[in-house]
């Protein structure tokens, strides 16, 4: 079982939260974490795309594969 699955089951079974809500919150957290990593990479000059080699963007996309999916919360700016 993955860490994500374990967290999901603990939130739903252990805390009695809605499966839809728990799933959405976990995804929102992953998206927020990936956005912070993208922002930091841009800030320090780490390229997010490097052609044929693995880039920082490739690694970040493992966290949140929906690059450009938009803001997590209404007051956030969309992903460029």
Protein backbone atom coordinates (compact mmCIF):
# COMPACT_ATOMS: atom_id res chain seq x y z
CA UNK A 1 0.00 0.00 0.00
CA UNK A 2 1.36 3.42 -0.91
CA UNK A 3 1.66 6.25 1.60
CA UNK A 4 -1.14 8.03 -0.25
CA UNK A 5 -3.43 5.00 0.03
CA UNK A 6 -2.59 4.62 3.71
CA UNK A 7 -3.38 8.28 4.40
CA UNK A 8 -6.63 8.02 2.43
CA UNK A 9 -7.78 4.95 4.38
CA UNK A 10 -6.85 6.51 7.70
CA UNK A 11 -8.83 9.65 6.88
CA UNK A 12 -11.86 7.74 5.65
CA UNK A 13 -11.93 4.74 7.98
CA UNK A 14 -10.15 6.17 11.00
CA UNK A 15 -11.47 9.71 11.01
CA UNK A 16 -14.76 8.99 9.26
CA UNK A 17 -14.29 11.63 6.59
CA UNK A 18 -15.94 11.54 3.17
CA UNK A 19 -13.93 9.53 0.62
CA UNK A 20 -14.45 12.29 -1.97
CA UNK A 21 -13.26 14.99 0.45
CA UNK A 22 -10.21 12.98 1.58
CA UNK A 23 -9.21 12.17 -2.00
CA UNK A 24 -9.55 15.80 -3.06
CA UNK A 25 -7.58 17.14 -0.10
CA UNK A 26 -4.69 14.73 -0.68
CA UNK A 27 -4.57 15.72 -4.36
CA UNK A 28 -4.74 19.42 -3.43
CA UNK A 29 -1.82 18.99 -1.05
CA UNK A 30 0.26 17.23 -3.72
CA UNK A 31 -0.57 20.00 -6.20
CA UNK A 32 0.37 22.70 -3.69
CA UNK A 33 3.67 20.96 -2.90
CA UNK A 34 4.51 20.63 -6.59
CA UNK A 35 3.70 24.30 -7.20
CA UNK A 36 6.03 25.31 -4.36
CA UNK A 37 8.78 23.18 -5.90
CA UNK A 38 8.22 24.67 -9.37
CA UNK A 39 8.31 28.18 -7.90
CA UNK A 40 11.53 27.46 -6.03
CA UNK A 41 13.14 25.92 -9.11
CA UNK A 42 12.32 29.06 -11.12
CA UNK A 43 13.55 31.32 -8.29
CA UNK A 44 16.98 29.67 -8.08
CA UNK A 45 17.33 29.10 -11.83
CA UNK A 46 16.88 25.33 -12.02
CA UNK A 47 15.50 24.53 -15.47
CA UNK A 48 12.15 22.79 -15.43
CA UNK A 49 12.70 21.34 -18.90
CA UNK A 50 16.01 19.98 -20.16
CA UNK A 51 15.13 18.12 -23.34
CA UNK A 52 16.23 14.50 -23.28
CA UNK A 53 17.64 14.34 -19.75
CA UNK A 54 15.62 14.13 -16.57
CA UNK A 55 14.84 17.64 -15.36
CA UNK A 56 13.59 19.13 -12.12
CA UNK A 57 10.21 19.47 -13.84
CA UNK A 58 10.12 15.74 -14.55
CA UNK A 59 10.72 14.99 -10.89
CA UNK A 60 8.14 17.54 -9.74
CA UNK A 61 5.61 16.10 -12.18
CA UNK A 62 5.89 12.80 -10.31
CA UNK A 63 4.29 14.61 -7.36
CA UNK A 64 1.64 16.32 -9.47
CA UNK A 65 1.44 15.26 -13.11
CA UNK A 66 -1.20 17.86 -14.00
CA UNK A 67 1.14 20.72 -14.90
CA UNK A 68 -0.93 23.78 -15.56
CA UNK A 69 -3.98 22.32 -13.85
CA UNK A 70 -4.79 25.69 -12.35
CA UNK A 71 -4.94 27.01 -8.81
CA UNK A 72 -5.62 24.86 -5.78
CA UNK A 73 -7.62 27.62 -4.09
CA UNK A 74 -9.69 30.40 -5.65
CA UNK A 75 -7.27 33.13 -4.53
CA UNK A 76 -4.24 31.53 -6.24
CA UNK A 77 -2.89 32.27 -9.67
CA UNK A 78 -3.01 29.49 -12.28
CA UNK A 79 0.15 27.54 -13.07
CA UNK A 80 2.02 29.11 -16.02
